C-alpha atoms as a PDB file:
ATOM      1  CA  UNK A   1     -37.679 122.665 170.241  1.00  0.00           C
ATOM      2  CA  UNK A   2     -38.110 126.268 170.854  1.00  0.00           C
ATOM      3  CA  UNK A   3     -37.181 127.496 167.142  1.00  0.00           C
ATOM      4  CA  UNK A   4     -37.415 125.395 164.087  1.00  0.00           C
ATOM      5  CA  UNK A   5     -36.141 128.242 161.783  1.00  0.00           C
ATOM      6  CA  UNK A   6     -33.936 131.232 162.807  1.00  0.00           C
ATOM      7  CA  UNK A   7     -32.918 134.175 160.185  1.00  0.00           C
ATOM      8  CA  UNK A   8     -30.163 136.477 161.331  1.00  0.00           C
ATOM      9  CA  UNK A   9     -29.349 139.707 159.303  1.00  0.00           C
ATOM     10  CA  UNK A  10     -30.643 138.277 155.984  1.00  0.00           C
ATOM     11  CA  UNK A  11     -29.857 140.960 153.166  1.00  0.00           C
ATOM     12  CA  UNK A  12     -30.392 140.577 149.373  1.00  0.00           C
ATOM     13  CA  UNK A  13     -29.476 143.003 146.701  1.00  0.00           C
ATOM     14  CA  UNK A  14     -30.487 143.002 142.992  1.00  0.00           C
ATOM     15  CA  UNK A  15     -27.797 145.310 141.573  1.00  0.00           C
ATOM     16  CA  UNK A  16     -28.475 148.630 143.401  1.00  0.00           C
ATOM     17  CA  UNK A  17     -31.883 147.710 144.571  1.00  0.00           C
ATOM     18  CA  UNK A  18     -32.311 146.479 148.347  1.00  0.00           C
ATOM     19  CA  UNK A  19     -34.877 143.854 148.185  1.00  0.00           C
ATOM     20  CA  UNK A  20     -34.407 142.262 151.875  1.00  0.00           C
ATOM     21  CA  UNK A  21     -32.853 144.520 154.416  1.00  0.00           C
ATOM     22  CA  UNK A  22     -31.225 142.879 157.333  1.00  0.00           C
ATOM     23  CA  UNK A  23     -33.974 140.618 158.511  1.00  0.00           C
ATOM     24  CA  UNK A  24     -33.745 138.755 161.757  1.00  0.00           C
ATOM     25  CA  UNK A  25     -36.743 136.275 162.563  1.00  0.00           C
ATOM     26  CA  UNK A  26     -37.336 133.132 164.597  1.00  0.00           C
ATOM     27  CA  UNK A  27     -40.183 130.621 163.788  1.00  0.00           C
ATOM     28  CA  UNK A  28     -41.298 128.075 166.145  1.00  0.00           C
ATOM     29  CA  UNK A  29     -42.742 124.591 165.536  1.00  0.00           C
ATOM     30  CA  UNK A  30     -46.628 124.528 164.971  1.00  0.00           C
ATOM     31  CA  UNK A  31     -47.078 128.173 164.820  1.00  0.00           C
ATOM     32  CA  UNK A  32     -49.100 129.298 161.502  1.00  0.00           C
ATOM     33  CA  UNK A  33     -47.285 132.451 160.371  1.00  0.00           C
ATOM     34  CA  UNK A  34     -48.357 134.880 157.714  1.00  0.00           C
ATOM     35  CA  UNK A  35     -45.784 137.241 155.958  1.00  0.00           C
ATOM     36  CA  UNK A  36     -47.739 140.125 154.352  1.00  0.00           C
ATOM     37  CA  UNK A  37     -46.961 143.581 152.893  1.00  0.00           C
ATOM     38  CA  UNK A  38     -47.560 145.730 149.962  1.00  0.00           C
ATOM     39  CA  UNK A  39     -46.190 144.839 146.557  1.00  0.00           C
ATOM     40  CA  UNK A  40     -42.441 144.993 146.385  1.00  0.00           C
ATOM     41  CA  UNK A  41     -42.160 144.571 150.261  1.00  0.00           C
ATOM     42  CA  UNK A  42     -39.658 141.672 149.830  1.00  0.00           C
ATOM     43  CA  UNK A  43     -42.011 138.880 150.821  1.00  0.00           C
ATOM     44  CA  UNK A  44     -41.374 136.422 148.138  1.00  0.00           C
ATOM     45  CA  UNK A  45     -37.621 137.213 147.856  1.00  0.00           C
ATOM     46  CA  UNK A  46     -37.450 136.353 151.726  1.00  0.00           C
ATOM     47  CA  UNK A  47     -39.006 133.176 150.917  1.00  0.00           C
ATOM     48  CA  UNK A  48     -36.806 132.324 148.266  1.00  0.00           C
ATOM     49  CA  UNK A  49     -33.870 132.917 150.537  1.00  0.00           C
ATOM     50  CA  UNK A  50     -35.252 130.662 153.033  1.00  0.00           C
ATOM     51  CA  UNK A  51     -35.855 127.929 150.690  1.00  0.00           C
ATOM     52  CA  UNK A  52     -32.620 127.975 148.675  1.00  0.00           C
ATOM     53  CA  UNK A  53     -33.864 129.540 145.396  1.00  0.00           C
ATOM     54  CA  UNK A  54     -31.679 132.579 146.232  1.00  0.00           C
ATOM     55  CA  UNK A  55     -28.350 133.263 148.080  1.00  0.00           C
ATOM     56  CA  UNK A  56     -28.140 136.121 150.423  1.00  0.00           C
ATOM     57  CA  UNK A  57     -25.533 138.813 150.140  1.00  0.00           C
ATOM     58  CA  UNK A  58     -25.304 138.652 154.090  1.00  0.00           C
ATOM     59  CA  UNK A  59     -26.834 136.869 156.797  1.00  0.00           C
ATOM     60  CA  UNK A  60     -27.440 133.318 158.134  1.00  0.00           C
ATOM     61  CA  UNK A  61     -30.300 130.781 157.862  1.00  0.00           C
ATOM     62  CA  UNK A  62     -30.782 128.035 160.632  1.00  0.00           C
ATOM     63  CA  UNK A  63     -33.048 125.191 160.324  1.00  0.00           C
ATOM     64  CA  UNK A  64     -33.182 123.211 163.760  1.00  0.00           C
ATOM     65  CA  UNK A  65     -29.918 124.950 164.832  1.00  0.00           C
ATOM     66  CA  UNK A  66     -27.992 123.810 161.749  1.00  0.00           C
ATOM     67  CA  UNK A  67     -26.625 126.466 159.143  1.00  0.00           C
ATOM     68  CA  UNK A  68     -28.383 126.065 155.789  1.00  0.00           C
ATOM     69  CA  UNK A  69     -27.364 129.462 154.399  1.00  0.00           C
ATOM     70  CA  UNK A  70     -25.475 127.772 151.413  1.00  0.00           C
ATOM     71  CA  UNK A  71     -27.542 124.572 151.132  1.00  0.00           C
ATOM     72  CA  UNK A  72     -29.109 124.097 147.963  1.00  0.00           C
ATOM     73  CA  UNK A  73     -32.987 123.739 147.366  1.00  0.00           C
ATOM     74  CA  UNK A  74     -33.039 119.851 147.072  1.00  0.00           C
ATOM     75  CA  UNK A  75     -30.981 119.343 150.129  1.00  0.00           C
ATOM     76  CA  UNK A  76     -33.254 121.576 152.210  1.00  0.00           C
ATOM     77  CA  UNK A  77     -36.068 119.223 151.086  1.00  0.00           C
ATOM     78  CA  UNK A  78     -34.373 116.358 152.312  1.00  0.00           C
ATOM     79  CA  UNK A  79     -33.571 118.193 155.625  1.00  0.00           C
ATOM     80  CA  UNK A  80     -37.704 118.970 155.808  1.00  0.00           C
ATOM     81  CA  UNK A  81     -38.257 122.076 154.166  1.00  0.00           C
ATOM     82  CA  UNK A  82     -40.925 122.391 151.107  1.00  0.00           C
ATOM     83  CA  UNK A  83     -42.727 125.179 149.365  1.00  0.00           C
ATOM     84  CA  UNK A  84     -45.285 125.955 146.805  1.00  0.00           C
ATOM     85  CA  UNK A  85     -44.802 128.747 144.231  1.00  0.00           C
ATOM     86  CA  UNK A  86     -46.798 132.041 143.559  1.00  0.00           C
ATOM     87  CA  UNK A  87     -46.689 130.846 139.849  1.00  0.00           C
ATOM     88  CA  UNK A  88     -48.020 127.402 139.108  1.00  0.00           C
ATOM     89  CA  UNK A  89     -45.414 124.535 138.900  1.00  0.00           C
ATOM     90  CA  UNK A  90     -47.341 121.600 138.240  1.00  0.00           C
ATOM     91  CA  UNK A  91     -46.952 119.233 135.321  1.00  0.00           C
ATOM     92  CA  UNK A  92     -49.978 119.881 133.078  1.00  0.00           C
ATOM     93  CA  UNK A  93     -49.543 116.984 130.732  1.00  0.00           C
ATOM     94  CA  UNK A  94     -49.355 114.424 133.471  1.00  0.00           C
ATOM     95  CA  UNK A  95     -52.010 113.105 135.571  1.00  0.00           C
ATOM     96  CA  UNK A  96     -52.912 114.542 138.947  1.00  0.00           C
ATOM     97  CA  UNK A  97     -51.733 111.280 140.403  1.00  0.00           C
ATOM     98  CA  UNK A  98     -48.222 111.157 138.413  1.00  0.00           C
ATOM     99  CA  UNK A  99     -47.922 114.672 139.577  1.00  0.00           C
ATOM    100  CA  UNK A 100     -47.787 113.258 143.327  1.00  0.00           C
ATOM    101  CA  UNK A 101     -45.824 110.275 142.279  1.00  0.00           C
ATOM    102  CA  UNK A 102     -42.802 112.117 141.303  1.00  0.00           C
ATOM    103  CA  UNK A 103     -41.952 113.667 144.448  1.00  0.00           C
ATOM    104  CA  UNK A 104     -42.759 110.777 146.361  1.00  0.00           C
ATOM    105  CA  UNK A 105     -40.603 108.266 144.320  1.00  0.00           C
ATOM    106  CA  UNK A 106     -37.846 110.831 144.252  1.00  0.00           C
ATOM    107  CA  UNK A 107     -37.902 111.087 148.143  1.00  0.00           C
ATOM    108  CA  UNK A 108     -38.071 107.400 148.520  1.00  0.00           C
ATOM    109  CA  UNK A 109     -35.069 106.774 146.005  1.00  0.00           C
ATOM    110  CA  UNK A 110     -36.877 103.946 144.232  1.00  0.00           C
ATOM    111  CA  UNK A 111     -34.595 103.843 141.286  1.00  0.00           C
ATOM    112  CA  UNK A 112     -35.298 100.021 140.094  1.00  0.00           C
ATOM    113  CA  UNK A 113     -34.926 100.765 136.547  1.00  0.00           C
ATOM    114  CA  UNK A 114     -36.424 103.107 133.777  1.00  0.00           C
ATOM    115  CA  UNK A 115     -38.927 100.581 132.694  1.00  0.00           C
ATOM    116  CA  UNK A 116     -40.401  99.514 135.999  1.00  0.00           C
ATOM    117  CA  UNK A 117     -44.020 100.312 136.705  1.00  0.00           C
ATOM    118  CA  UNK A 118     -44.459 103.028 139.199  1.00  0.00           C
ATOM    119  CA  UNK A 119     -47.459 100.917 140.817  1.00  0.00           C
ATOM    120  CA  UNK A 120     -44.868  98.309 141.780  1.00  0.00           C
ATOM    121  CA  UNK A 121     -43.506 100.602 144.580  1.00  0.00           C
ATOM    122  CA  UNK A 122     -46.137  99.712 147.106  1.00  0.00           C
ATOM    123  CA  UNK A 123     -45.079 101.924 149.869  1.00  0.00           C
ATOM    124  CA  UNK A 124     -44.932 104.920 147.506  1.00  0.00           C
ATOM    125  CA  UNK A 125     -47.992 104.315 146.074  1.00  0.00           C
ATOM    126  CA  UNK A 126     -49.860 104.027 149.607  1.00  0.00           C
ATOM    127  CA  UNK A 127     -47.943 107.341 150.329  1.00  0.00           C
ATOM    128  CA  UNK A 128     -49.465 108.948 147.065  1.00  0.00           C
ATOM    129  CA  UNK A 129     -52.921 107.572 147.639  1.00  0.00           C
ATOM    130  CA  UNK A 130     -52.959 109.156 151.207  1.00  0.00           C
ATOM    131  CA  UNK A 131     -51.864 112.477 149.704  1.00  0.00           C
ATOM    132  CA  UNK A 132     -54.417 112.579 147.143  1.00  0.00           C
ATOM    133  CA  UNK A 133     -57.108 112.065 149.580  1.00  0.00           C
ATOM    134  CA  UNK A 134     -55.740 114.567 151.940  1.00  0.00           C
ATOM    135  CA  UNK A 135     -55.812 117.460 149.322  1.00  0.00           C
ATOM    136  CA  UNK A 136     -59.289 116.139 148.078  1.00  0.00           C
ATOM    137  CA  UNK A 137     -58.101 115.138 144.509  1.00  0.00           C
ATOM    138  CA  UNK A 138     -58.518 111.271 144.896  1.00  0.00           C
ATOM    139  CA  UNK A 139     -61.609 111.504 142.580  1.00  0.00           C
ATOM    140  CA  UNK A 140     -59.523 113.235 139.985  1.00  0.00           C
ATOM    141  CA  UNK A 141     -56.343 111.351 140.074  1.00  0.00           C
ATOM    142  CA  UNK A 142     -56.696 110.134 136.355  1.00  0.00           C
ATOM    143  CA  UNK A 143     -57.279 113.497 135.199  1.00  0.00           C
ATOM    144  CA  UNK A 144     -54.692 115.439 133.325  1.00  0.00           C
ATOM    145  CA  UNK A 145     -53.590 118.166 135.690  1.00  0.00           C
ATOM    146  CA  UNK A 146     -53.847 120.894 132.804  1.00  0.00           C
ATOM    147  CA  UNK A 147     -57.437 120.158 132.852  1.00  0.00           C
ATOM    148  CA  UNK A 148     -58.191 120.834 136.351  1.00  0.00           C
ATOM    149  CA  UNK A 149     -60.073 124.002 137.623  1.00  0.00           C
ATOM    150  CA  UNK A 150     -57.309 126.817 138.769  1.00  0.00           C
ATOM    151  CA  UNK A 151     -58.448 125.921 142.514  1.00  0.00           C
ATOM    152  CA  UNK A 152     -57.852 122.256 141.991  1.00  0.00           C
ATOM    153  CA  UNK A 153     -54.434 123.173 140.513  1.00  0.00           C
ATOM    154  CA  UNK A 154     -53.564 124.977 143.744  1.00  0.00           C
ATOM    155  CA  UNK A 155     -54.567 122.141 145.723  1.00  0.00           C
ATOM    156  CA  UNK A 156     -52.479 119.712 143.714  1.00  0.00           C
ATOM    157  CA  UNK A 157     -49.484 121.982 143.951  1.00  0.00           C
ATOM    158  CA  UNK A 158     -50.103 122.031 147.726  1.00  0.00           C
ATOM    159  CA  UNK A 159     -50.010 118.362 147.428  1.00  0.00           C
ATOM    160  CA  UNK A 160     -46.751 118.231 145.808  1.00  0.00           C
ATOM    161  CA  UNK A 161     -45.128 120.656 148.308  1.00  0.00           C
ATOM    162  CA  UNK A 162     -46.514 118.210 151.069  1.00  0.00           C
ATOM    163  CA  UNK A 163     -45.596 114.864 149.571  1.00  0.00           C
ATOM    164  CA  UNK A 164     -42.204 114.839 151.109  1.00  0.00           C
ATOM    165  CA  UNK A 165     -43.793 115.023 154.451  1.00  0.00           C
ATOM    166  CA  UNK A 166     -42.083 118.262 155.415  1.00  0.00           C
ATOM    167  CA  UNK A 167     -41.721 119.601 158.902  1.00  0.00           C
ATOM    168  CA  UNK A 168     -41.781 123.164 157.666  1.00  0.00           C
ATOM    169  CA  UNK A 169     -43.761 124.262 154.356  1.00  0.00           C
ATOM    170  CA  UNK A 170     -43.881 127.598 152.883  1.00  0.00           C
ATOM    171  CA  UNK A 171     -47.074 128.567 150.804  1.00  0.00           C
ATOM    172  CA  UNK A 172     -46.642 131.658 148.312  1.00  0.00           C
ATOM    173  CA  UNK A 173     -49.990 132.862 147.799  1.00  0.00           C
ATOM    174  CA  UNK A 174     -52.238 129.713 148.034  1.00  0.00           C
ATOM    175  CA  UNK A 175     -55.409 131.502 147.210  1.00  0.00           C
ATOM    176  CA  UNK A 176     -54.159 133.412 144.358  1.00  0.00           C
ATOM    177  CA  UNK A 177     -56.752 133.403 141.381  1.00  0.00           C
ATOM    178  CA  UNK A 178     -59.384 131.317 143.542  1.00  0.00           C
ATOM    179  CA  UNK A 179     -63.152 132.080 143.518  1.00  0.00           C
ATOM    180  CA  UNK A 180     -64.884 132.212 147.049  1.00  0.00           C
ATOM    181  CA  UNK A 181     -65.684 128.585 146.719  1.00  0.00           C
ATOM    182  CA  UNK A 182     -62.109 127.227 145.864  1.00  0.00           C
ATOM    183  CA  UNK A 183     -60.717 129.723 148.610  1.00  0.00           C
ATOM    184  CA  UNK A 184     -62.888 128.195 151.391  1.00  0.00           C
ATOM    185  CA  UNK A 185     -61.762 124.691 150.245  1.00  0.00           C
ATOM    186  CA  UNK A 186     -58.140 125.647 150.424  1.00  0.00           C
ATOM    187  CA  UNK A 187     -58.365 127.391 153.760  1.00  0.00           C
ATOM    188  CA  UNK A 188     -60.258 124.191 155.028  1.00  0.00           C
ATOM    189  CA  UNK A 189     -57.351 122.149 153.876  1.00  0.00           C
ATOM    190  CA  UNK A 190     -54.529 124.347 155.205  1.00  0.00           C
ATOM    191  CA  UNK A 191     -56.133 124.593 158.573  1.00  0.00           C
ATOM    192  CA  UNK A 192     -56.766 120.804 158.865  1.00  0.00           C
ATOM    193  CA  UNK A 193     -53.172 120.205 158.056  1.00  0.00           C
ATOM    194  CA  UNK A 194     -51.901 122.765 160.323  1.00  0.00           C
ATOM    195  CA  UNK A 195     -54.068 121.403 163.233  1.00  0.00           C
ATOM    196  CA  UNK A 196     -52.497 117.831 162.814  1.00  0.00           C
ATOM    197  CA  UNK A 197     -49.297 119.517 163.999  1.00  0.00           C
ATOM    198  CA  UNK A 198     -47.081 117.299 161.391  1.00  0.00           C
ATOM    199  CA  UNK A 199     -46.026 120.305 159.420  1.00  0.00           C
ATOM    200  CA  UNK A 200     -45.478 123.948 160.227  1.00  0.00           C
ATOM    201  CA  UNK A 201     -46.963 126.506 157.572  1.00  0.00           C
ATOM    202  CA  UNK A 202     -45.434 130.051 156.744  1.00  0.00           C
ATOM    203  CA  UNK A 203     -47.810 131.719 154.188  1.00  0.00           C
ATOM    204  CA  UNK A 204     -47.201 134.643 152.077  1.00  0.00           C
ATOM    205  CA  UNK A 205     -50.645 136.055 151.280  1.00  0.00           C
ATOM    206  CA  UNK A 206     -51.989 139.279 149.910  1.00  0.00           C
ATOM    207  CA  UNK A 207     -55.848 138.326 150.800  1.00  0.00           C
ATOM    208  CA  UNK A 208     -56.338 139.705 154.444  1.00  0.00           C
ATOM    209  CA  UNK A 209     -59.345 137.413 154.810  1.00  0.00           C
ATOM    210  CA  UNK A 210     -57.188 134.331 154.369  1.00  0.00           C
ATOM    211  CA  UNK A 211     -54.399 135.789 156.596  1.00  0.00           C
ATOM    212  CA  UNK A 212     -56.548 136.877 159.404  1.00  0.00           C
ATOM    213  CA  UNK A 213     -58.767 133.731 159.437  1.00  0.00           C
ATOM    214  CA  UNK A 214     -55.584 131.226 159.543  1.00  0.00           C
ATOM    215  CA  UNK A 215     -52.812 132.901 161.259  1.00  0.00           C
ATOM    216  CA  UNK A 216     -51.699 132.759 164.755  1.00  0.00           C
ATOM    217  CA  UNK A 217     -48.741 135.225 164.134  1.00  0.00           C
ATOM    218  CA  UNK A 218     -48.397 137.979 161.220  1.00  0.00           C
ATOM    219  CA  UNK A 219     -45.112 139.414 159.967  1.00  0.00           C
ATOM    220  CA  UNK A 220     -45.452 142.603 158.245  1.00  0.00           C
ATOM    221  CA  UNK A 221     -42.794 143.557 155.654  1.00  0.00           C
ATOM    222  CA  UNK A 222     -42.174 146.781 154.049  1.00  0.00           C
ATOM    223  CA  UNK A 223     -39.517 148.063 151.774  1.00  0.00           C
ATOM    224  CA  UNK A 224     -37.355 145.123 152.543  1.00  0.00           C
ATOM    225  CA  UNK A 225     -37.563 145.260 156.332  1.00  0.00           C
ATOM    226  CA  UNK A 226     -39.998 144.032 159.144  1.00  0.00           C
ATOM    227  CA  UNK A 227     -42.462 146.935 159.928  1.00  0.00           C
ATOM    228  CA  UNK A 228     -44.230 144.697 162.710  1.00  0.00           C
ATOM    229  CA  UNK A 229     -44.340 141.194 163.922  1.00  0.00           C
ATOM    230  CA  UNK A 230     -47.356 139.844 166.330  1.00  0.00           C
ATOM    231  CA  UNK A 231     -50.577 138.186 166.878  1.00  0.00           C
ATOM    232  CA  UNK A 232     -53.466 139.162 164.483  1.00  0.00           C
ATOM    233  CA  UNK A 233     -55.233 141.370 166.859  1.00  0.00           C
ATOM    234  CA  UNK A 234     -51.880 143.243 167.531  1.00  0.00           C
ATOM    235  CA  UNK A 235     -51.488 143.724 163.837  1.00  0.00           C
ATOM    236  CA  UNK A 236     -54.940 145.148 163.236  1.00  0.00           C
ATOM    237  CA  UNK A 237     -54.475 147.645 165.815  1.00  0.00           C
ATOM    238  CA  UNK A 238     -50.905 148.948 164.491  1.00  0.00           C
ATOM    239  CA  UNK A 239     -50.782 152.246 163.379  1.00  0.00           C
ATOM    240  CA  UNK A 240     -47.707 151.877 161.080  1.00  0.00           C
ATOM    241  CA  UNK A 241     -49.421 148.849 159.485  1.00  0.00           C
ATOM    242  CA  UNK A 242     -52.533 150.713 158.930  1.00  0.00           C
ATOM    243  CA  UNK A 243     -50.567 153.548 157.370  1.00  0.00           C
ATOM    244  CA  UNK A 244     -48.951 151.329 154.871  1.00  0.00           C
ATOM    245  CA  UNK A 245     -52.230 149.504 153.848  1.00  0.00           C
ATOM    246  CA  UNK A 246     -53.954 153.046 153.984  1.00  0.00           C
ATOM    247  CA  UNK A 247     -56.077 151.584 156.939  1.00  0.00           C
ATOM    248  CA  UNK A 248     -58.357 149.595 154.491  1.00  0.00           C
ATOM    249  CA  UNK A 249     -57.290 146.024 154.096  1.00  0.00           C
ATOM    250  CA  UNK A 250     -56.471 145.388 158.089  1.00  0.00           C
END
């Protein structure tokens, strides 16, 4: 497959404000891509359009050559697209294990009655156990999610996004609010999962250390449009990108 995701002329207005301006991009399977840009550049709006949280005013989105522009989020998940959010979206009053169980059972369609024990669903539980070990939270499976450290909450959120075994996963600022130790742990996880090749990652991130340590490709947005698109070294040497970032972060 030459292209996993194709975006053509994507445009989004909020009233009179142009948030995403005629964006066209292609994403190949197995290429870890970061989308960067200053605040207000349109990064998160673009991700919301690609994952179905927003509808575009104009343009098309194709996933594996199928038009998904008007497809709701839940149907995109079933097609193989998942995401984590900039704002935490875990269930704090449930245990870590229960947070992972919910998307697993939902995806498997295990509707055997409200009073059935979740642990009776052996396939789902094996799946859940594997994911908890993958995101390094197995030893905290019975802890309430709201009692986790911020870094572990982020790992849990990644686990929730990855439980449906997506072919394409968007991570919106996965290192946000983390201390250096937590950030290193999260980067190790993303690198390991990306290396497996089962899931293609597209990351929105402000931390340039994270971006340049992870990315094979970097897309730079500014004022709703694409300012630059290339390999990390190309982006580092791009004068327009340096101008947007005042030559500091890159």
